[in-house]
């Protein structure tokens, strides 16, 4: 995703504590997500999910499948 783009989470391919942490924060399939910005060096990126802003490293973000929002 590029900054400003939004979509819907369709699957989480993370395991262990990171998966549980994101599920607890509301990162569940069917939830709308928007990429807000990326750090200057490219990692981490900030995402808006359910009224919160969460930063994720690229290695974790690539394990989350997101269906792009259609306009």
PDB file of N, CA and C in Angstrom:
ATOM      1  N   UNK A   1       0.841  -1.183   0.000  1.00  0.00           N
ATOM      2  CA  UNK A   1       0.000   0.000   0.000  1.00  0.00           C
ATOM      3  C   UNK A   1       0.881   1.240   0.000  1.00  0.00           C
ATOM      4  N   UNK A   2       0.386   2.255  -0.637  1.00  0.00           N
ATOM      5  CA  UNK A   2       1.057   3.554  -0.619  1.00  0.00           C
ATOM      6  C   UNK A   2       0.352   4.445   0.399  1.00  0.00           C
ATOM      7  N   UNK A   3       1.059   5.446   0.941  1.00  0.00           N
ATOM      8  CA  UNK A   3       0.404   6.350   1.889  1.00  0.00           C
ATOM      9  C   UNK A   3      -0.872   6.946   1.294  1.00  0.00           C
ATOM     10  N   UNK A   4      -1.935   6.930   2.093  1.00  0.00           N
ATOM     11  CA  UNK A   4      -3.232   7.430   1.666  1.00  0.00           C
ATOM     12  C   UNK A   4      -4.159   6.352   1.144  1.00  0.00           C
ATOM     13  N   UNK A   5      -3.621   5.212   0.746  1.00  0.00           N
ATOM     14  CA  UNK A   5      -4.456   4.128   0.243  1.00  0.00           C
ATOM     15  C   UNK A   5      -5.137   3.399   1.397  1.00  0.00           C
ATOM     16  N   UNK A   6      -6.298   2.836   1.097  1.00  0.00           N
ATOM     17  CA  UNK A   6      -7.061   2.104   2.112  1.00  0.00           C
ATOM     18  C   UNK A   6      -7.523   0.777   1.537  1.00  0.00           C
ATOM     19  N   UNK A   7      -7.867  -0.125   2.434  1.00  0.00           N
ATOM     20  CA  UNK A   7      -8.366  -1.428   2.032  1.00  0.00           C
ATOM     21  C   UNK A   7      -8.978  -2.141   3.217  1.00  0.00           C
ATOM     22  N   UNK A   8      -9.331  -3.403   2.989  1.00  0.00           N
ATOM     23  CA  UNK A   8      -9.951  -4.220   4.023  1.00  0.00           C
ATOM     24  C   UNK A   8      -9.061  -5.428   4.282  1.00  0.00           C
ATOM     25  N   UNK A   9      -8.774  -5.681   5.548  1.00  0.00           N
ATOM     26  CA  UNK A   9      -7.955  -6.829   5.921  1.00  0.00           C
ATOM     27  C   UNK A   9      -8.717  -8.104   5.564  1.00  0.00           C
ATOM     28  N   UNK A  10      -8.056  -9.011   4.829  1.00  0.00           N
ATOM     29  CA  UNK A  10      -8.702 -10.273   4.478  1.00  0.00           C
ATOM     30  C   UNK A  10      -8.058 -11.459   5.187  1.00  0.00           C
ATOM     31  N   UNK A  11      -6.773 -11.344   5.574  1.00  0.00           N
ATOM     32  CA  UNK A  11      -6.116 -12.453   6.270  1.00  0.00           C
ATOM     33  C   UNK A  11      -4.871 -11.970   6.990  1.00  0.00           C
ATOM     34  N   UNK A  12      -4.555 -12.629   8.105  1.00  0.00           N
ATOM     35  CA  UNK A  12      -3.318 -12.389   8.845  1.00  0.00           C
ATOM     36  C   UNK A  12      -2.485 -13.664   8.792  1.00  0.00           C
ATOM     37  N   UNK A  13      -1.303 -13.589   8.235  1.00  0.00           N
ATOM     38  CA  UNK A  13      -0.426 -14.752   8.151  1.00  0.00           C
ATOM     39  C   UNK A  13       0.682 -14.692   9.194  1.00  0.00           C
ATOM     40  N   UNK A  14       0.477 -13.900  10.227  1.00  0.00           N
ATOM     41  CA  UNK A  14       1.408 -13.796  11.344  1.00  0.00           C
ATOM     42  C   UNK A  14       1.117 -14.910  12.343  1.00  0.00           C
ATOM     43  N   UNK A  15       2.102 -15.230  13.162  1.00  0.00           N
ATOM     44  CA  UNK A  15       1.929 -16.268  14.174  1.00  0.00           C
ATOM     45  C   UNK A  15       2.419 -15.760  15.526  1.00  0.00           C
ATOM     46  N   UNK A  16       2.032 -16.446  16.566  1.00  0.00           N
ATOM     47  CA  UNK A  16       2.550 -16.147  17.894  1.00  0.00           C
ATOM     48  C   UNK A  16       2.047 -14.853  18.485  1.00  0.00           C
ATOM     49  N   UNK A  17       2.928 -14.221  19.259  1.00  0.00           N
ATOM     50  CA  UNK A  17       2.538 -13.039  20.023  1.00  0.00           C
ATOM     51  C   UNK A  17       2.182 -11.843  19.141  1.00  0.00           C
ATOM     52  N   UNK A  18       2.832 -11.706  17.994  1.00  0.00           N
ATOM     53  CA  UNK A  18       2.512 -10.576  17.108  1.00  0.00           C
ATOM     54  C   UNK A  18       1.096 -10.725  16.560  1.00  0.00           C
ATOM     55  N   UNK A  19       0.703 -11.934  16.197  1.00  0.00           N
ATOM     56  CA  UNK A  19      -0.669 -12.167  15.715  1.00  0.00           C
ATOM     57  C   UNK A  19      -1.680 -11.829  16.812  1.00  0.00           C
ATOM     58  N   UNK A  20      -1.440 -12.306  18.019  1.00  0.00           N
ATOM     59  CA  UNK A  20      -2.346 -12.031  19.132  1.00  0.00           C
ATOM     60  C   UNK A  20      -2.422 -10.535  19.438  1.00  0.00           C
ATOM     61  N   UNK A  21      -1.299  -9.861  19.376  1.00  0.00           N
ATOM     62  CA  UNK A  21      -1.265  -8.422  19.658  1.00  0.00           C
ATOM     63  C   UNK A  21      -2.113  -7.662  18.647  1.00  0.00           C
ATOM     64  N   UNK A  22      -1.943  -7.980  17.357  1.00  0.00           N
ATOM     65  CA  UNK A  22      -2.709  -7.275  16.329  1.00  0.00           C
ATOM     66  C   UNK A  22      -4.198  -7.595  16.420  1.00  0.00           C
ATOM     67  N   UNK A  23      -4.538  -8.842  16.688  1.00  0.00           N
ATOM     68  CA  UNK A  23      -5.955  -9.187  16.860  1.00  0.00           C
ATOM     69  C   UNK A  23      -6.557  -8.433  18.032  1.00  0.00           C
ATOM     70  N   UNK A  24      -5.813  -8.304  19.121  1.00  0.00           N
ATOM     71  CA  UNK A  24      -6.290  -7.554  20.286  1.00  0.00           C
ATOM     72  C   UNK A  24      -6.496  -6.077  19.965  1.00  0.00           C
ATOM     73  N   UNK A  25      -5.713  -5.551  19.018  1.00  0.00           N
ATOM     74  CA  UNK A  25      -5.825  -4.148  18.630  1.00  0.00           C
ATOM     75  C   UNK A  25      -6.891  -3.920  17.559  1.00  0.00           C
ATOM     76  N   UNK A  26      -7.585  -4.988  17.152  1.00  0.00           N
ATOM     77  CA  UNK A  26      -8.673  -4.840  16.191  1.00  0.00           C
ATOM     78  C   UNK A  26      -8.309  -5.134  14.749  1.00  0.00           C
ATOM     79  N   UNK A  27      -7.132  -5.663  14.518  1.00  0.00           N
ATOM     80  CA  UNK A  27      -6.712  -5.999  13.156  1.00  0.00           C
ATOM     81  C   UNK A  27      -7.288  -7.365  12.784  1.00  0.00           C
ATOM     82  N   UNK A  28      -8.590  -7.399  12.542  1.00  0.00           N
ATOM     83  CA  UNK A  28      -9.249  -8.657  12.224  1.00  0.00           C
ATOM     84  C   UNK A  28      -9.774  -8.601  10.786  1.00  0.00           C
ATOM     85  N   UNK A  29      -9.904  -9.757  10.144  1.00  0.00           N
ATOM     86  CA  UNK A  29     -10.443  -9.769   8.786  1.00  0.00           C
ATOM     87  C   UNK A  29     -11.786  -9.040   8.711  1.00  0.00           C
ATOM     88  N   UNK A  30     -11.941  -8.238   7.661  1.00  0.00           N
ATOM     89  CA  UNK A  30     -13.140  -7.432   7.469  1.00  0.00           C
ATOM     90  C   UNK A  30     -12.996  -6.006   7.952  1.00  0.00           C
ATOM     91  N   UNK A  31     -11.884  -5.685   8.609  1.00  0.00           N
ATOM     92  CA  UNK A  31     -11.653  -4.346   9.152  1.00  0.00           C
ATOM     93  C   UNK A  31     -10.977  -3.453   8.112  1.00  0.00           C
ATOM     94  N   UNK A  32     -11.453  -2.205   8.008  1.00  0.00           N
ATOM     95  CA  UNK A  32     -10.859  -1.228   7.100  1.00  0.00           C
ATOM     96  C   UNK A  32      -9.541  -0.735   7.694  1.00  0.00           C
ATOM     97  N   UNK A  33      -8.547  -0.566   6.830  1.00  0.00           N
ATOM     98  CA  UNK A  33      -7.232  -0.094   7.228  1.00  0.00           C
ATOM     99  C   UNK A  33      -6.771   0.954   6.222  1.00  0.00           C
ATOM    100  N   UNK A  34      -6.042   1.958   6.686  1.00  0.00           N
ATOM    101  CA  UNK A  34      -5.490   2.976   5.793  1.00  0.00           C
ATOM    102  C   UNK A  34      -4.030   3.212   6.152  1.00  0.00           C
ATOM    103  N   UNK A  35      -3.179   3.218   5.145  1.00  0.00           N
ATOM    104  CA  UNK A  35      -1.766   3.526   5.373  1.00  0.00           C
ATOM    105  C   UNK A  35      -1.627   5.040   5.436  1.00  0.00           C
ATOM    106  N   UNK A  36      -1.089   5.541   6.522  1.00  0.00           N
ATOM    107  CA  UNK A  36      -0.958   6.978   6.711  1.00  0.00           C
ATOM    108  C   UNK A  36       0.363   7.505   6.170  1.00  0.00           C
ATOM    109  N   UNK A  37       1.451   6.915   6.595  1.00  0.00           N
ATOM    110  CA  UNK A  37       2.766   7.367   6.133  1.00  0.00           C
ATOM    111  C   UNK A  37       3.827   6.325   6.429  1.00  0.00           C
ATOM    112  N   UNK A  38       4.983   6.508   5.803  1.00  0.00           N
ATOM    113  CA  UNK A  38       6.125   5.631   5.997  1.00  0.00           C
ATOM    114  C   UNK A  38       7.278   6.463   6.532  1.00  0.00           C
ATOM    115  N   UNK A  39       8.048   5.891   7.427  1.00  0.00           N
ATOM    116  CA  UNK A  39       9.210   6.596   7.979  1.00  0.00           C
ATOM    117  C   UNK A  39      10.171   6.972   6.854  1.00  0.00           C
ATOM    118  N   UNK A  40      10.974   7.957   7.100  1.00  0.00           N
ATOM    119  CA  UNK A  40      11.897   8.484   6.089  1.00  0.00           C
ATOM    120  C   UNK A  40      12.770   7.403   5.458  1.00  0.00           C
ATOM    121  N   UNK A  41      13.218   6.460   6.242  1.00  0.00           N
ATOM    122  CA  UNK A  41      14.079   5.392   5.717  1.00  0.00           C
ATOM    123  C   UNK A  41      13.292   4.183   5.220  1.00  0.00           C
ATOM    124  N   UNK A  42      11.965   4.281   5.219  1.00  0.00           N
ATOM    125  CA  UNK A  42      11.131   3.234   4.665  1.00  0.00           C
ATOM    126  C   UNK A  42      10.573   2.221   5.643  1.00  0.00           C
ATOM    127  N   UNK A  43      10.953   2.307   6.902  1.00  0.00           N
ATOM    128  CA  UNK A  43      10.460   1.345   7.874  1.00  0.00           C
ATOM    129  C   UNK A  43      10.508   1.958   9.264  1.00  0.00           C
ATOM    130  N   UNK A  44       9.476   1.944  10.058  1.00  0.00           N
ATOM    131  CA  UNK A  44       8.170   1.322   9.892  1.00  0.00           C
ATOM    132  C   UNK A  44       7.198   2.233   9.149  1.00  0.00           C
ATOM    133  N   UNK A  45       5.971   1.739   8.971  1.00  0.00           N
ATOM    134  CA  UNK A  45       4.874   2.506   8.386  1.00  0.00           C
ATOM    135  C   UNK A  45       3.755   2.604   9.405  1.00  0.00           C
ATOM    136  N   UNK A  46       2.989   3.698   9.332  1.00  0.00           N
ATOM    137  CA  UNK A  46       1.880   3.919  10.254  1.00  0.00           C
ATOM    138  C   UNK A  46       0.560   3.648   9.537  1.00  0.00           C
ATOM    139  N   UNK A  47      -0.352   2.972  10.247  1.00  0.00           N
ATOM    140  CA  UNK A  47      -1.649   2.603   9.705  1.00  0.00           C
ATOM    141  C   UNK A  47      -2.747   3.042  10.657  1.00  0.00           C
ATOM    142  N   UNK A  48      -3.875   3.485  10.089  1.00  0.00           N
ATOM    143  CA  UNK A  48      -5.059   3.826  10.881  1.00  0.00           C
ATOM    144  C   UNK A  48      -6.002   2.634  10.856  1.00  0.00           C
ATOM    145  N   UNK A  49      -6.344   2.142  12.039  1.00  0.00           N
ATOM    146  CA  UNK A  49      -7.255   1.002  12.170  1.00  0.00           C
ATOM    147  C   UNK A  49      -8.162   1.262  13.361  1.00  0.00           C
ATOM    148  N   UNK A  50      -9.459   1.317  13.114  1.00  0.00           N
ATOM    149  CA  UNK A  50     -10.451   1.486  14.186  1.00  0.00           C
ATOM    150  C   UNK A  50     -10.156   2.674  15.104  1.00  0.00           C
ATOM    151  N   UNK A  51      -9.755   3.795  14.530  1.00  0.00           N
ATOM    152  CA  UNK A  51      -9.512   5.005  15.300  1.00  0.00           C
ATOM    153  C   UNK A  51      -8.162   5.092  15.971  1.00  0.00           C
ATOM    154  N   UNK A  52      -7.317   4.098  15.796  1.00  0.00           N
ATOM    155  CA  UNK A  52      -5.972   4.114  16.382  1.00  0.00           C
ATOM    156  C   UNK A  52      -4.930   4.168  15.268  1.00  0.00           C
ATOM    157  N   UNK A  53      -3.763   4.679  15.593  1.00  0.00           N
ATOM    158  CA  UNK A  53      -2.643   4.690  14.655  1.00  0.00           C
ATOM    159  C   UNK A  53      -1.602   3.716  15.185  1.00  0.00           C
ATOM    160  N   UNK A  54      -1.258   2.736  14.364  1.00  0.00           N
ATOM    161  CA  UNK A  54      -0.335   1.674  14.751  1.00  0.00           C
ATOM    162  C   UNK A  54       0.808   1.640  13.744  1.00  0.00           C
ATOM    163  N   UNK A  55       2.038   1.560  14.241  1.00  0.00           N
ATOM    164  CA  UNK A  55       3.209   1.432  13.370  1.00  0.00           C
ATOM    165  C   UNK A  55       3.598  -0.036  13.268  1.00  0.00           C
ATOM    166  N   UNK A  56       3.880  -0.464  12.041  1.00  0.00           N
ATOM    167  CA  UNK A  56       4.300  -1.839  11.795  1.00  0.00           C
ATOM    168  C   UNK A  56       5.573  -1.851  10.965  1.00  0.00           C
ATOM    169  N   UNK A  57       6.446  -2.784  11.284  1.00  0.00           N
ATOM    170  CA  UNK A  57       7.634  -2.997  10.461  1.00  0.00           C
ATOM    171  C   UNK A  57       7.208  -3.657   9.159  1.00  0.00           C
ATOM    172  N   UNK A  58       7.977  -3.442   8.107  1.00  0.00           N
ATOM    173  CA  UNK A  58       7.664  -3.999   6.795  1.00  0.00           C
ATOM    174  C   UNK A  58       7.609  -5.525   6.837  1.00  0.00           C
ATOM    175  N   UNK A  59       8.482  -6.155   7.618  1.00  0.00           N
ATOM    176  CA  UNK A  59       8.497  -7.619   7.690  1.00  0.00           C
ATOM    177  C   UNK A  59       7.203  -8.167   8.274  1.00  0.00           C
ATOM    178  N   UNK A  60       6.522  -7.406   9.132  1.00  0.00           N
ATOM    179  CA  UNK A  60       5.237  -7.831   9.683  1.00  0.00           C
ATOM    180  C   UNK A  60       4.089  -7.441   8.753  1.00  0.00           C
ATOM    181  N   UNK A  61       4.157  -6.246   8.185  1.00  0.00           N
ATOM    182  CA  UNK A  61       3.082  -5.758   7.313  1.00  0.00           C
ATOM    183  C   UNK A  61       2.915  -6.637   6.075  1.00  0.00           C
ATOM    184  N   UNK A  62       3.999  -7.202   5.572  1.00  0.00           N
ATOM    185  CA  UNK A  62       3.885  -8.015   4.356  1.00  0.00           C
ATOM    186  C   UNK A  62       3.151  -9.336   4.612  1.00  0.00           C
ATOM    187  N   UNK A  63       2.915  -9.675   5.874  1.00  0.00           N
ATOM    188  CA  UNK A  63       2.198 -10.892   6.225  1.00  0.00           C
ATOM    189  C   UNK A  63       0.708 -10.645   6.496  1.00  0.00           C
ATOM    190  N   UNK A  64       0.244  -9.447   6.135  1.00  0.00           N
ATOM    191  CA  UNK A  64      -1.169  -9.093   6.286  1.00  0.00           C
ATOM    192  C   UNK A  64      -1.742  -8.854   4.890  1.00  0.00           C
ATOM    193  N   UNK A  65      -2.735  -9.648   4.533  1.00  0.00           N
ATOM    194  CA  UNK A  65      -3.356  -9.538   3.216  1.00  0.00           C
ATOM    195  C   UNK A  65      -4.482  -8.515   3.279  1.00  0.00           C
ATOM    196  N   UNK A  66      -4.415  -7.528   2.366  1.00  0.00           N
ATOM    197  CA  UNK A  66      -5.398  -6.444   2.341  1.00  0.00           C
ATOM    198  C   UNK A  66      -5.995  -6.350   0.940  1.00  0.00           C
ATOM    199  N   UNK A  67      -7.324  -6.336   0.871  1.00  0.00           N
ATOM    200  CA  UNK A  67      -8.044  -6.135  -0.389  1.00  0.00           C
ATOM    201  C   UNK A  67      -8.167  -4.637  -0.600  1.00  0.00           C
ATOM    202  N   UNK A  68      -7.654  -4.099  -1.714  1.00  0.00           N
ATOM    203  CA  UNK A  68      -7.744  -2.659  -1.957  1.00  0.00           C
ATOM    204  C   UNK A  68      -9.204  -2.180  -1.991  1.00  0.00           C
ATOM    205  N   UNK A  69      -9.409  -0.980  -1.506  1.00  0.00           N
ATOM    206  CA  UNK A  69     -10.747  -0.378  -1.527  1.00  0.00           C
ATOM    207  C   UNK A  69     -11.059   0.059  -2.943  1.00  0.00           C
ATOM    208  N   UNK A  70     -12.261  -0.204  -3.391  1.00  0.00           N
ATOM    209  CA  UNK A  70     -12.670   0.258  -4.720  1.00  0.00           C
ATOM    210  C   UNK A  70     -13.382   1.586  -4.575  1.00  0.00           C
ATOM    211  N   UNK A  71     -13.153   2.461  -5.498  1.00  0.00           N
ATOM    212  CA  UNK A  71     -13.743   3.807  -5.418  1.00  0.00           C
ATOM    213  C   UNK A  71     -14.896   3.943  -6.331  1.00  0.00           C
TER     214      UNK A  71
END
